[in-house]
Protein backbone atom coordinates (compact mmCIF):
# COMPACT_ATOMS: atom_id res chain seq x y z
CA UNK A 1 55.55 4.47 22.89
CA UNK A 2 58.91 2.76 23.10
CA UNK A 3 60.49 6.00 24.37
CA UNK A 4 57.85 6.27 27.07
CA UNK A 5 58.54 2.68 28.17
CA UNK A 6 62.25 3.42 28.34
CA UNK A 7 61.63 6.44 30.57
CA UNK A 8 59.36 4.41 32.86
CA UNK A 9 61.98 1.70 33.19
CA UNK A 10 64.63 4.29 33.99
CA UNK A 11 62.46 5.84 36.69
CA UNK A 12 61.77 2.44 38.20
CA UNK A 13 65.44 1.57 38.26
CA UNK A 14 66.28 4.95 39.79
CA UNK A 15 63.69 4.46 42.54
CA UNK A 16 65.10 1.02 43.26
CA UNK A 17 68.56 2.50 43.51
CA UNK A 18 67.26 5.17 45.86
CA UNK A 19 65.77 2.53 48.13
CA UNK A 20 69.09 0.68 48.11
CA UNK A 21 70.84 3.94 48.88
CA UNK A 22 68.72 4.48 51.95
CA UNK A 23 69.65 1.03 53.18
CA UNK A 24 73.39 1.37 52.58
CA UNK A 25 75.54 2.83 55.33
CA UNK A 26 74.87 1.95 58.96
CA UNK A 27 74.10 4.60 61.51
CA UNK A 28 77.39 6.02 62.76
CA UNK A 29 78.10 7.83 66.01
CA UNK A 30 78.65 11.56 65.65
CA UNK A 31 82.25 11.61 66.85
CA UNK A 32 82.72 15.28 65.99
CA UNK A 33 79.89 16.21 68.36
CA UNK A 34 81.35 13.87 70.98
CA UNK A 35 84.68 15.68 70.66
CA UNK A 36 82.93 18.99 71.38
CA UNK A 37 81.28 17.49 74.46
CA UNK A 38 84.65 16.18 75.65
CA UNK A 39 86.14 19.66 75.35
CA UNK A 40 83.21 21.23 77.21
CA UNK A 41 83.93 18.95 80.17
CA UNK A 42 87.31 20.60 80.78
CA UNK A 43 86.98 22.66 83.98
CA UNK A 44 87.68 26.38 83.91
CA UNK A 45 90.90 27.50 85.54
CA UNK A 46 91.02 30.36 88.00
CA UNK A 47 92.59 33.52 86.55
CA UNK A 48 95.99 34.58 87.83
CA UNK A 49 95.89 37.53 90.20
CA UNK A 50 98.27 39.81 88.29
CA UNK A 51 97.27 38.72 84.79
CA UNK A 52 96.10 41.12 82.11
CA UNK A 53 94.03 40.31 79.02
CA UNK A 54 96.41 38.90 76.41
CA UNK A 55 95.25 37.82 72.99
CA UNK A 56 98.68 36.96 71.62
CA UNK A 57 101.98 35.57 72.81
CA UNK A 58 103.56 38.81 71.63
CA UNK A 59 101.59 40.69 74.29
CA UNK A 60 103.31 38.82 77.13
CA UNK A 61 106.69 40.51 76.58
CA UNK A 62 106.86 44.18 75.63
CA UNK A 63 110.19 44.24 73.80
CA UNK A 64 110.44 45.74 70.28
CA UNK A 65 113.71 43.91 69.58
CA UNK A 66 112.03 40.58 70.36
CA UNK A 67 109.06 41.43 68.12
CA UNK A 68 111.48 42.03 65.26
CA UNK A 69 113.13 38.64 65.84
CA UNK A 70 109.76 36.87 65.88
CA UNK A 71 108.80 38.43 62.55
CA UNK A 72 112.14 37.42 61.07
CA UNK A 73 111.75 33.83 62.26
CA UNK A 74 108.19 33.54 60.94
CA UNK A 75 109.40 34.67 57.52
CA UNK A 76 112.62 32.67 57.25
CA UNK A 77 112.52 29.59 59.49
CA UNK A 78 112.97 26.55 57.18
CA UNK A 79 110.84 24.18 59.24
CA UNK A 80 107.92 26.62 59.23
CA UNK A 81 108.32 27.17 55.50
CA UNK A 82 108.01 23.41 54.97
CA UNK A 83 104.74 23.45 56.90
CA UNK A 84 103.54 26.37 54.79
CA UNK A 85 104.40 24.46 51.61
CA UNK A 86 102.39 21.49 52.87
CA UNK A 87 99.43 23.83 53.36
CA UNK A 88 99.76 25.10 49.81
CA UNK A 89 99.89 21.53 48.49
CA UNK A 90 96.71 20.70 50.42
CA UNK A 91 94.96 23.73 48.92
CA UNK A 92 95.95 22.58 45.43
CA UNK A 93 94.64 19.09 46.20
CA UNK A 94 91.39 20.69 47.36
CA UNK A 95 91.00 22.39 43.97
CA UNK A 96 91.80 19.09 42.28
CA UNK A 97 89.08 17.31 44.25
CA UNK A 98 86.53 20.05 43.61
CA UNK A 99 87.07 19.75 39.86
CA UNK A 100 85.37 16.32 39.91
CA UNK A 101 82.01 18.06 40.47
CA UNK A 102 82.35 20.08 37.26
CA UNK A 103 81.82 18.91 33.68
CA UNK A 104 84.90 17.93 31.71
CA UNK A 105 85.29 19.10 28.11
CA UNK A 106 87.60 17.41 25.62
CA UNK A 107 88.27 18.26 22.02
CA UNK A 108 89.95 16.34 19.26
CA UNK A 109 90.90 17.03 15.65
CA UNK A 110 92.38 14.88 12.92
CA UNK A 111 93.15 15.12 9.24
CA UNK A 112 93.73 12.55 6.52
CA UNK A 113 94.30 12.36 2.79
CA UNK A 114 94.08 9.37 0.48
CA UNK A 115 95.60 8.90 -2.95
CA UNK A 116 93.47 10.45 -5.67
CA UNK A 117 91.21 11.88 -3.00
CA UNK A 118 90.55 15.19 -1.31
CA UNK A 119 91.79 15.86 2.22
CA UNK A 120 89.33 15.19 5.02
CA UNK A 121 89.31 16.79 8.44
CA UNK A 122 87.38 15.63 11.46
CA UNK A 123 86.88 17.28 14.84
CA UNK A 124 84.74 16.64 17.86
CA UNK A 125 83.92 18.12 21.25
CA UNK A 126 82.83 15.89 24.13
CA UNK A 127 81.31 17.06 27.41
CA UNK A 128 81.13 14.56 30.30
CA UNK A 129 79.55 15.06 33.70
CA UNK A 130 78.85 12.77 36.64
CA UNK A 131 75.58 13.56 38.37
CA UNK A 132 76.10 14.00 42.10
CA UNK A 133 73.11 11.78 42.80
CA UNK A 134 73.85 10.94 46.42
CA UNK A 135 75.94 13.97 47.35
CA UNK A 136 79.08 11.82 47.22
CA UNK A 137 81.10 14.30 45.17
CA UNK A 138 79.97 17.14 47.40
CA UNK A 139 81.04 15.28 50.54
CA UNK A 140 84.39 14.38 49.01
CA UNK A 141 84.89 18.07 48.25
CA UNK A 142 83.91 18.99 51.82
CA UNK A 143 86.41 16.44 53.17
CA UNK A 144 89.15 18.06 51.09
CA UNK A 145 88.13 21.43 52.54
CA UNK A 146 88.47 19.99 56.05
CA UNK A 147 91.95 18.81 55.08
CA UNK A 148 92.78 22.43 54.28
CA UNK A 149 91.37 23.55 57.63
CA UNK A 150 93.49 20.93 59.39
CA UNK A 151 96.67 22.05 57.65
CA UNK A 152 95.87 25.71 58.34
CA UNK A 153 95.56 24.90 62.04
CA UNK A 154 98.79 22.88 61.99
CA UNK A 155 100.55 25.81 60.34
CA UNK A 156 99.28 28.17 63.06
CA UNK A 157 100.42 25.67 65.68
CA UNK A 158 103.90 25.58 64.13
CA UNK A 159 104.02 29.40 64.07
CA UNK A 160 103.03 29.61 67.72
CA UNK A 161 105.53 26.95 68.79
CA UNK A 162 108.31 28.70 66.85
CA UNK A 163 107.51 32.06 68.45
CA UNK A 164 107.43 30.52 71.94
CA UNK A 165 110.73 28.70 71.33
CA UNK A 166 112.31 31.94 70.15
CA UNK A 167 111.01 33.85 73.19
CA UNK A 168 112.34 31.21 75.60
CA UNK A 169 115.77 31.17 73.96
CA UNK A 170 115.89 34.97 73.92
CA UNK A 171 115.21 35.00 77.67
CA UNK A 172 117.84 32.27 77.92
CA UNK A 173 120.45 34.66 76.52
CA UNK A 174 119.82 36.94 79.50
CA UNK A 175 119.99 33.98 81.89
CA UNK A 176 123.31 32.83 80.40
CA UNK A 177 124.73 36.34 80.66
CA UNK A 178 123.64 36.55 84.31
CA UNK A 179 125.27 33.17 85.02
CA UNK A 180 128.51 34.50 83.54
CA UNK A 181 128.33 37.68 85.62
CA UNK A 182 127.67 35.77 88.85
CA UNK A 183 130.55 33.41 88.13
CA UNK A 184 132.83 36.33 87.32
CA UNK A 185 132.04 37.89 90.69
CA UNK A 186 132.66 34.53 92.35
CA UNK A 187 136.00 34.21 90.56
CA UNK A 188 137.05 37.73 91.53
CA UNK A 189 136.28 36.98 95.17
CA UNK A 190 138.20 33.72 95.04
CA UNK A 191 141.20 35.42 93.45
CA UNK A 192 141.16 38.07 96.18
CA UNK A 193 141.04 35.27 98.74
CA UNK A 194 144.01 33.57 97.12
CA UNK A 195 146.03 36.81 97.12
CA UNK A 196 145.15 37.49 100.75
CA UNK A 197 146.05 33.93 101.80
CA UNK A 198 149.34 34.18 99.89
CA UNK A 199 150.23 37.38 101.72
CA UNK A 200 149.42 35.78 105.07
CA UNK A 201 151.45 32.70 104.14
CA UNK A 202 154.46 34.83 103.22
CA UNK A 203 154.07 36.63 106.52
CA UNK A 204 154.07 33.30 108.34
CA UNK A 205 150.41 33.62 109.39
CA UNK A 206 148.81 31.12 107.04
CA UNK A 207 149.11 27.51 105.99
CA UNK A 208 150.03 26.03 102.64
CA UNK A 209 146.84 23.92 102.72
CA UNK A 210 144.76 27.11 102.82
CA UNK A 211 146.50 28.39 99.70
CA UNK A 212 145.91 25.10 97.87
CA UNK A 213 142.20 25.18 98.77
CA UNK A 214 141.85 28.73 97.46
CA UNK A 215 143.66 27.91 94.22
CA UNK A 216 141.52 24.79 93.73
CA UNK A 217 138.31 26.79 94.13
CA UNK A 218 139.63 29.45 91.74
CA UNK A 219 140.44 26.89 89.04
CA UNK A 220 137.02 25.28 89.44
CA UNK A 221 135.34 28.67 89.03
CA UNK A 222 137.32 29.35 85.84
CA UNK A 223 136.12 26.02 84.45
CA UNK A 224 132.50 26.91 85.24
CA UNK A 225 132.95 30.31 83.64
CA UNK A 226 134.20 28.72 80.41
CA UNK A 227 131.16 26.41 80.42
CA UNK A 228 128.73 29.31 80.85
CA UNK A 229 130.35 31.26 78.03
CA UNK A 230 130.04 28.29 75.70
CA UNK A 231 126.41 27.88 76.74
CA UNK A 232 125.77 31.49 75.71
CA UNK A 233 127.51 30.93 72.38
CA UNK A 234 125.48 27.77 71.72
CA UNK A 235 122.23 29.59 72.45
CA UNK A 236 123.24 32.33 70.02
CA UNK A 237 123.81 29.68 67.37
CA UNK A 238 120.48 28.01 68.18
CA UNK A 239 118.69 31.33 67.76
CA UNK A 240 120.36 31.90 64.39
CA UNK A 241 118.98 28.54 63.27
CA UNK A 242 115.47 29.50 64.43
CA UNK A 243 115.83 32.79 62.54
CA UNK A 244 116.93 31.00 59.38
CA UNK A 245 120.25 32.81 59.24
CA UNK A 246 122.85 30.89 57.26
CA UNK A 247 126.40 31.06 58.62
CA UNK A 248 127.89 34.22 60.02
CA UNK A 249 128.90 35.15 63.52
CA UNK A 250 126.51 38.04 64.02
CA UNK A 251 125.41 38.18 67.64
CA UNK A 252 121.81 38.72 68.66
CA UNK A 253 121.28 41.71 70.91
CA UNK A 254 119.42 41.33 74.18
CA UNK A 255 118.87 43.53 77.27
CA UNK A 256 120.95 43.40 80.42
CA UNK A 257 118.05 42.37 82.64
CA UNK A 258 114.87 40.35 82.27
CA UNK A 259 111.87 42.17 80.82
CA UNK A 260 108.46 41.84 82.40
CA UNK A 261 106.58 38.74 81.25
CA UNK A 262 102.87 39.00 82.00
CA UNK A 263 100.89 36.03 83.35
CA UNK A 264 98.69 34.90 80.44
CA UNK A 265 95.66 33.47 82.27
CA UNK A 266 93.22 36.34 82.75
CA UNK A 267 89.48 36.24 83.47
CA UNK A 268 88.51 36.10 79.80
CA UNK A 269 85.84 33.76 78.42
CA UNK A 270 87.81 33.15 75.21
CA UNK A 271 90.96 31.96 76.99
CA UNK A 272 89.98 28.32 76.66
CA UNK A 273 91.54 25.29 75.06
CA UNK A 274 89.35 25.73 71.98
CA UNK A 275 91.81 28.38 70.85
CA UNK A 276 94.59 25.81 70.55
CA UNK A 277 95.33 25.19 66.86
CA UNK A 278 96.39 21.58 67.45
CA UNK A 279 92.92 20.85 68.87
CA UNK A 280 91.33 22.63 65.92
CA UNK A 281 93.42 20.51 63.56
CA UNK A 282 92.44 17.29 65.34
CA UNK A 283 88.76 18.28 65.18
CA UNK A 284 88.97 19.02 61.45
CA UNK A 285 90.61 15.60 60.97
CA UNK A 286 87.56 13.94 62.60
CA UNK A 287 85.20 15.82 60.28
CA UNK A 288 87.23 14.93 57.19
CA UNK A 289 87.39 11.26 58.15
CA UNK A 290 83.64 11.15 58.83
CA UNK A 291 82.87 12.70 55.44
CA UNK A 292 85.12 10.18 53.71
CA UNK A 293 83.35 7.39 55.56
CA UNK A 294 80.07 8.59 54.05
CA UNK A 295 81.72 8.75 50.62
CA UNK A 296 83.02 5.20 51.02
CA UNK A 297 79.53 3.87 51.76
CA UNK A 298 78.07 5.80 48.82
CA UNK A 299 80.59 4.14 46.53
CA UNK A 300 78.35 1.08 46.95
CA UNK A 301 75.47 2.91 45.24
CA UNK A 302 74.75 3.34 41.53
CA UNK A 303 76.13 6.36 39.71
CA UNK A 304 74.80 8.33 36.78
CA UNK A 305 76.97 10.01 34.17
CA UNK A 306 76.02 12.05 31.12
CA UNK A 307 78.00 12.59 27.95
CA UNK A 308 77.27 14.90 25.05
CA UNK A 309 79.34 14.88 21.87
CA UNK A 310 79.45 17.08 18.77
CA UNK A 311 81.40 15.86 15.72
CA UNK A 312 81.80 16.90 12.09
CA UNK A 313 83.91 16.28 9.00
CA UNK A 314 84.86 18.80 6.31
CA UNK A 315 87.31 19.45 3.53
CA UNK A 316 88.85 22.37 5.40
CA UNK A 317 89.91 22.51 9.06
CA UNK A 318 88.11 25.82 9.57
CA UNK A 319 84.85 24.35 8.37
CA UNK A 320 84.59 21.50 10.86
CA UNK A 321 81.79 21.77 13.40
CA UNK A 322 80.24 24.50 11.22
CA UNK A 323 78.77 22.67 8.21
CA UNK A 324 76.66 19.72 9.27
CA UNK A 325 77.73 18.59 12.76
CA UNK A 326 76.29 15.52 14.40
CA UNK A 327 75.46 15.48 18.08
CA UNK A 328 74.87 12.61 20.46
CA UNK A 329 73.73 12.35 24.07
CA UNK A 330 74.52 9.38 26.29
CA UNK A 331 73.23 8.71 29.77
CA UNK A 332 74.84 5.90 31.71
CA UNK A 333 73.76 4.31 34.97
CA UNK A 334 76.31 1.99 36.57
CA UNK A 335 76.19 0.07 39.81
CA UNK A 336 78.78 -2.17 41.48
CA UNK A 337 77.54 -5.75 41.55
CA UNK A 338 80.45 -7.78 42.81
CA UNK A 339 83.99 -6.79 43.75
CA UNK A 340 84.83 -9.41 46.30
CA UNK A 341 83.89 -7.19 49.25
CA UNK A 342 86.42 -4.52 48.29
CA UNK A 343 84.05 -1.57 48.59
CA UNK A 344 82.56 -2.66 51.91
CA UNK A 345 86.04 -3.23 53.29
CA UNK A 346 86.98 0.28 52.17
CA UNK A 347 83.91 1.65 53.95
CA UNK A 348 84.81 -0.23 57.13
CA UNK A 349 88.38 1.10 56.95
CA UNK A 350 87.09 4.66 56.58
CA UNK A 351 84.81 4.17 59.58
CA UNK A 352 87.72 2.91 61.69
CA UNK A 353 89.88 5.82 60.55
CA UNK A 354 87.20 8.19 61.86
CA UNK A 355 87.32 6.43 65.23
CA UNK A 356 91.10 6.69 65.13
CA UNK A 357 90.89 10.43 64.45
CA UNK A 358 88.55 10.83 67.43
CA UNK A 359 90.98 9.06 69.74
CA UNK A 360 93.78 11.28 68.41
CA UNK A 361 91.63 14.28 69.35
CA UNK A 362 91.12 12.91 72.85
CA UNK A 363 94.86 12.39 73.23
CA UNK A 364 95.53 15.97 72.09
CA UNK A 365 92.89 17.27 74.50
CA UNK A 366 94.32 15.35 77.46
CA UNK A 367 97.82 16.57 76.62
CA UNK A 368 96.54 20.15 76.40
CA UNK A 369 94.88 19.93 79.82
CA UNK A 370 98.04 18.48 81.32
CA UNK A 371 100.20 21.22 79.80
CA UNK A 372 98.00 23.98 81.24
CA UNK A 373 97.78 22.40 84.67
CA UNK A 374 101.52 21.69 84.75
CA UNK A 375 102.30 25.30 83.82
CA UNK A 376 99.89 26.64 86.46
CA UNK A 377 101.42 24.34 89.07
CA UNK A 378 104.90 25.44 88.04
CA UNK A 379 103.93 29.10 88.41
CA UNK A 380 102.82 28.54 92.00
CA UNK A 381 105.80 26.36 92.89
CA UNK A 382 108.38 28.64 91.29
CA UNK A 383 106.92 31.67 93.07
CA UNK A 384 107.13 29.86 96.40
CA UNK A 385 110.67 28.68 95.74
CA UNK A 386 111.73 32.16 94.68
CA UNK A 387 110.45 33.62 97.96
CA UNK A 388 112.35 31.05 100.01
CA UNK A 389 115.57 31.47 98.03
CA UNK A 390 115.38 35.27 98.37
CA UNK A 391 115.11 34.84 102.15
CA UNK A 392 118.00 32.37 102.16
CA UNK A 393 120.16 34.67 100.04
CA UNK A 394 119.62 37.61 102.39
CA UNK A 395 120.66 35.47 105.34
CA UNK A 396 123.67 34.08 103.44
CA UNK A 397 124.94 37.55 102.58
CA UNK A 398 124.73 38.61 106.21
CA UNK A 399 126.49 35.41 107.24
CA UNK A 400 129.20 35.96 104.63
CA UNK A 401 129.97 39.44 105.91
CA UNK A 402 130.39 38.06 109.43
CA UNK A 403 132.65 35.21 108.24
CA UNK A 404 134.86 37.59 106.27
CA UNK A 405 135.41 39.73 109.37
CA UNK A 406 136.02 36.65 111.49
CA UNK A 407 138.53 35.19 109.02
CA UNK A 408 140.53 38.40 108.88
CA UNK A 409 140.58 38.30 112.67
CA UNK A 410 141.82 34.69 112.55
CA UNK A 411 138.69 33.32 114.24
CA UNK A 412 137.53 30.92 111.46
CA UNK A 413 139.24 28.60 109.01
CA UNK A 414 139.59 29.39 105.29
CA UNK A 415 137.51 26.33 104.40
CA UNK A 416 134.61 27.73 106.40
CA UNK A 417 134.88 31.05 104.59
CA UNK A 418 135.05 29.38 101.18
CA UNK A 419 131.99 27.29 102.04
CA UNK A 420 129.94 30.35 102.98
CA UNK A 421 131.09 32.21 99.86
CA UNK A 422 130.17 29.27 97.65
CA UNK A 423 126.77 29.03 99.30
CA UNK A 424 126.10 32.73 98.71
CA UNK A 425 127.00 32.65 95.03
CA UNK A 426 125.13 29.37 94.56
CA UNK A 427 122.00 31.00 95.98
CA UNK A 428 122.45 33.99 93.65
CA UNK A 429 122.68 31.65 90.67
CA UNK A 430 119.72 29.62 91.90
CA UNK A 431 117.59 32.74 92.34
CA UNK A 432 118.39 34.01 88.87
CA UNK A 433 117.62 30.60 87.37
CA UNK A 434 114.27 30.57 89.18
CA UNK A 435 113.44 33.97 87.72
CA UNK A 436 114.29 32.65 84.26
CA UNK A 437 112.22 29.50 84.73
CA UNK A 438 109.26 31.50 86.01
CA UNK A 439 109.32 33.86 83.03
CA UNK A 440 109.68 31.09 80.45
CA UNK A 441 106.94 29.13 82.20
CA UNK A 442 104.56 32.00 81.50
CA UNK A 443 105.40 31.71 77.81
CA UNK A 444 104.73 27.96 78.05
CA UNK A 445 101.38 28.64 79.73
CA UNK A 446 100.42 31.14 77.05
CA UNK A 447 101.23 28.59 74.36
CA UNK A 448 99.27 25.90 76.23
CA UNK A 449 96.23 28.20 76.38
CA UNK A 450 96.35 28.70 72.63
CA UNK A 451 97.65 32.27 72.49
CA UNK A 452 98.85 32.84 68.95
CA UNK A 453 101.29 35.29 67.41
CA UNK A 454 100.37 38.76 66.24
CA UNK A 455 103.32 39.01 63.83
């Protein structure tokens, strides 16, 4: 009869706790769903006319030597390896959190001997388990899983950024080499001018001022050439850092001319911002924070834990738990009564952290939209500028040929010839730089669209 009364009281207390549980935790906005709606509001961009379907950044440039460098960087870059280690730590923490849902088993053994007495040995096994009454442990485990998803996305984002950085610097090697070649041609022309002016001066047909102007331009070109060579050397060193190569002076091979870089925005339904790993990471952060908010409110509710123990004493260690063991079963129901508002403050903090994670997602989304639109605008502007510079360069070359003939005939001044020559080589350098910017901008656009790496 007394046992029946105890069970009835336990049921009544449990029902009261359930009613309290239904009342704890205010209705919260579904910020994860709101984040999805925000992303759906991003307008679709028109595909580029000469684009082809590209699922990976690697598809934009067909260069086996570049693919090998990307694989090397992904395997050896120290910054990326740190991100990978963080991911592994998060996975271990996830296993640690999940263990709270499982029973814990502890064993103990002791031995003693008194004077004039026989030795005595005692051992016990205790099994403890917290009942996941409100789903709190399950939600805490789910939040830890979302932490893993966030770190996985951040690792993919770091991989993609590293590959894009490597591709841009590899194209930069070609641009630096072209700048050196253009400056070398400029210097050769200026040296020929200086020799020709010197011959005219010795023949009494030229002026000393003309020779000084030619020598000044030649010295300036040599200074620029030294700067371009150092720029190439610095980029080689920067690439070795990205590749994780320690020391050494091994140069990185690259082709003589730019490879084709495909426009990444094709008419594909999956080429949307939802492919961006940084957005995926921000979304997982919202979900994790929301789950922890629910856990924080459920900390206000009662909890039930069970404990079973088996103990025994014997004269021999091997006989313990085998002769006449005693067992006990304990059920414990605990509820927080007063903690000075600590638990409710923790719940409010968790709720605010969820709102903070949502705003971080919005910021990432807005940045992503801006990056895509900026890259698309750059593609149009660079194409237009390239067309105009090509036209200007054609006209400048024709003009230069006329000025060279006129100077040899004594019809124009040396300063006029030098000015036209400088303009021609400046336009060559500007055109090559535009080609480089246009190609790297396509890599930037691919990264902004969320194209990952195949390697």
